[in-house]
């Protein structure tokens, strides 16, 4: 995967998922993959949280020489925001909008900032461009979960998460 492809891929995957799932009812979105697993709408809610976090990471990395960023408690964030009960179409639309914004920010990253060292939650340090590609792999991993068992597919890069 080339870095210059990431922004277009973010926009494409999210738009394609929104279109592919447009006829789904709230009940389809609320189906859980298994006992104790997130429903489809909760997965998209998690991806909203991830998009928000990653946008802020990118923005801060662009404003500094390096980035140290805490992790976040994803299970708790999904639970307290009550994504399972949220209107699924609204949740999916927000996810698409946040990724379009992130794609806009990514397109503006100067070559000189791609190597900015980023450390997330004390994990190993990666250059900013690798962090962004890893985010895309994470997004695609969860898109596969959302579409699992539906017979629907969207064009993706084939990245496997985690990359690093």
Protein backbone atom coordinates (compact mmCIF):
# COMPACT_ATOMS: atom_id res chain seq x y z
CA UNK A 1 0.00 0.00 0.00
CA UNK A 2 1.35 3.38 -1.00
CA UNK A 3 0.79 6.27 1.38
CA UNK A 4 -0.68 8.48 -1.35
CA UNK A 5 -3.51 5.92 -1.78
CA UNK A 6 -4.68 6.02 1.85
CA UNK A 7 -6.97 9.06 1.68
CA UNK A 8 -8.84 7.78 -1.37
CA UNK A 9 -9.14 4.32 0.16
CA UNK A 10 -10.61 5.76 3.38
CA UNK A 11 -13.21 7.66 1.40
CA UNK A 12 -13.95 4.74 -0.89
CA UNK A 13 -14.36 2.03 1.73
CA UNK A 14 -16.56 4.12 3.99
CA UNK A 15 -18.77 5.35 1.15
CA UNK A 16 -19.06 1.83 -0.29
CA UNK A 17 -20.09 0.41 3.10
CA UNK A 18 -22.69 3.14 3.54
CA UNK A 19 -24.13 2.37 0.12
CA UNK A 20 -23.98 -1.43 0.54
CA UNK A 21 -25.79 -1.29 3.88
CA UNK A 22 -28.30 1.44 3.01
CA UNK A 23 -31.25 -0.98 2.95
CA UNK A 24 -30.42 -2.54 6.33
CA UNK A 25 -32.96 -2.15 9.10
CA UNK A 26 -32.03 -1.13 12.62
CA UNK A 27 -32.48 -4.78 13.60
CA UNK A 28 -29.91 -5.97 11.04
CA UNK A 29 -27.42 -3.45 12.41
CA UNK A 30 -28.06 -4.70 15.95
CA UNK A 31 -27.27 -8.38 15.20
CA UNK A 32 -24.35 -9.59 17.28
CA UNK A 33 -21.73 -11.78 15.60
CA UNK A 34 -21.67 -14.00 18.70
CA UNK A 35 -22.54 -13.89 22.38
CA UNK A 36 -20.58 -11.11 24.05
CA UNK A 37 -19.41 -9.61 20.75
CA UNK A 38 -20.24 -6.19 19.41
CA UNK A 39 -23.18 -5.72 17.08
CA UNK A 40 -22.59 -4.21 13.65
CA UNK A 41 -23.65 -0.76 14.85
CA UNK A 42 -21.32 -1.07 17.86
CA UNK A 43 -18.44 -1.94 15.52
CA UNK A 44 -19.17 1.19 13.50
CA UNK A 45 -19.37 3.12 16.78
CA UNK A 46 -15.93 1.80 17.69
CA UNK A 47 -14.73 2.94 14.26
CA UNK A 48 -16.13 6.42 15.01
CA UNK A 49 -14.06 6.51 18.20
CA UNK A 50 -11.03 5.29 16.25
CA UNK A 51 -11.51 7.94 13.55
CA UNK A 52 -11.80 10.67 16.17
CA UNK A 53 -8.69 9.46 18.01
CA UNK A 54 -6.66 9.03 14.84
CA UNK A 55 -7.61 12.43 13.46
CA UNK A 56 -6.44 14.04 16.68
CA UNK A 57 -3.22 11.97 16.59
CA UNK A 58 -2.47 13.12 13.04
CA UNK A 59 -3.26 16.75 13.80
CA UNK A 60 -1.05 16.74 16.89
CA UNK A 61 1.78 14.92 15.09
CA UNK A 62 1.64 17.57 12.36
CA UNK A 63 2.01 20.25 15.04
CA UNK A 64 5.03 18.73 16.81
CA UNK A 65 8.34 16.97 16.31
CA UNK A 66 6.98 13.74 17.83
CA UNK A 67 3.79 12.35 19.34
CA UNK A 68 3.17 10.53 22.60
CA UNK A 69 -0.49 9.54 22.81
CA UNK A 70 -2.40 7.51 25.38
CA UNK A 71 -4.54 4.56 24.46
CA UNK A 72 -8.25 4.53 25.10
CA UNK A 73 -10.63 2.04 26.66
CA UNK A 74 -12.55 0.97 23.59
CA UNK A 75 -15.00 -1.39 25.31
CA UNK A 76 -16.00 1.30 27.79
CA UNK A 77 -16.32 3.97 25.10
CA UNK A 78 -18.64 1.78 23.03
CA UNK A 79 -20.71 0.95 26.12
CA UNK A 80 -21.12 4.46 27.54
CA UNK A 81 -22.02 5.94 24.16
CA UNK A 82 -24.71 3.26 23.82
CA UNK A 83 -23.95 2.63 20.16
CA UNK A 84 -26.05 -0.55 20.19
CA UNK A 85 -29.20 1.54 20.72
CA UNK A 86 -28.08 4.42 18.48
CA UNK A 87 -29.82 5.05 15.16
CA UNK A 88 -27.66 2.92 12.86
CA UNK A 89 -28.02 5.03 9.72
CA UNK A 90 -27.03 8.16 11.64
CA UNK A 91 -24.09 6.32 13.22
CA UNK A 92 -22.88 5.07 9.83
CA UNK A 93 -23.23 8.54 8.29
CA UNK A 94 -21.13 10.04 11.10
CA UNK A 95 -18.47 7.38 10.54
CA UNK A 96 -18.31 8.24 6.84
CA UNK A 97 -18.12 11.99 7.56
CA UNK A 98 -15.29 11.55 10.07
CA UNK A 99 -13.28 9.43 7.64
CA UNK A 100 -13.81 11.93 4.83
CA UNK A 101 -12.45 14.60 7.14
CA UNK A 102 -9.48 12.42 8.11
CA UNK A 103 -8.82 11.77 4.40
CA UNK A 104 -8.82 15.54 3.84
CA UNK A 105 -6.25 16.00 6.63
CA UNK A 106 -4.12 13.08 5.36
CA UNK A 107 -4.01 14.57 1.84
CA UNK A 108 -2.42 17.70 3.30
CA UNK A 109 0.44 15.94 5.11
CA UNK A 110 3.71 17.30 3.79
CA UNK A 111 6.41 14.81 2.85
CA UNK A 112 8.60 16.24 5.61
CA UNK A 113 6.09 15.21 8.31
CA UNK A 114 5.49 11.60 7.23
CA UNK A 115 8.38 10.37 9.36
CA UNK A 116 7.23 12.12 12.55
CA UNK A 117 7.70 9.51 15.33
CA UNK A 118 4.43 8.50 16.99
CA UNK A 119 4.14 6.40 20.13
CA UNK A 120 0.66 5.26 21.14
CA UNK A 121 0.03 3.97 24.66
CA UNK A 122 3.70 3.11 25.19
CA UNK A 123 3.62 0.71 22.25
CA UNK A 124 6.46 0.81 19.74
CA UNK A 125 7.17 4.03 17.91
CA UNK A 126 6.08 4.27 14.27
CA UNK A 127 6.42 7.05 11.71
CA UNK A 128 3.21 8.98 11.11
CA UNK A 129 2.63 7.49 7.66
CA UNK A 130 2.82 3.95 9.08
CA UNK A 131 0.38 4.88 11.84
CA UNK A 132 -2.10 6.10 9.23
CA UNK A 133 -1.75 2.97 7.08
CA UNK A 134 -2.23 0.86 10.22
CA UNK A 135 -5.43 2.82 10.90
CA UNK A 136 -6.70 1.88 7.43
CA UNK A 137 -5.88 -1.79 8.10
CA UNK A 138 -7.80 -1.53 11.41
CA UNK A 139 -10.78 0.01 9.64
CA UNK A 140 -10.81 -2.72 6.97
CA UNK A 141 -10.54 -5.44 9.65
CA UNK A 142 -13.73 -4.15 11.26
CA UNK A 143 -15.50 -3.61 7.93
CA UNK A 144 -15.00 -7.32 7.26
CA UNK A 145 -16.74 -8.01 10.60
CA UNK A 146 -19.65 -5.70 9.74
CA UNK A 147 -20.20 -7.40 6.38
CA UNK A 148 -19.53 -10.94 7.62
CA UNK A 149 -22.30 -13.35 6.72
CA UNK A 150 -24.24 -10.85 4.62
CA UNK A 151 -22.95 -11.76 1.17
CA UNK A 152 -21.96 -8.11 0.70
CA UNK A 153 -18.47 -7.02 -0.19
CA UNK A 154 -16.73 -3.73 -0.84
CA UNK A 155 -13.42 -3.03 -2.51
CA UNK A 156 -10.62 -2.98 0.06
CA UNK A 157 -6.83 -3.01 -0.03
CA UNK A 158 -6.49 -6.45 1.56
CA UNK A 159 -4.39 -5.06 4.40
CA UNK A 160 -4.40 -7.28 7.47
CA UNK A 161 -4.53 -5.80 10.94
CA UNK A 162 -2.32 -5.34 12.85
CA UNK A 163 0.39 -4.48 10.38
CA UNK A 164 3.13 -3.92 12.94
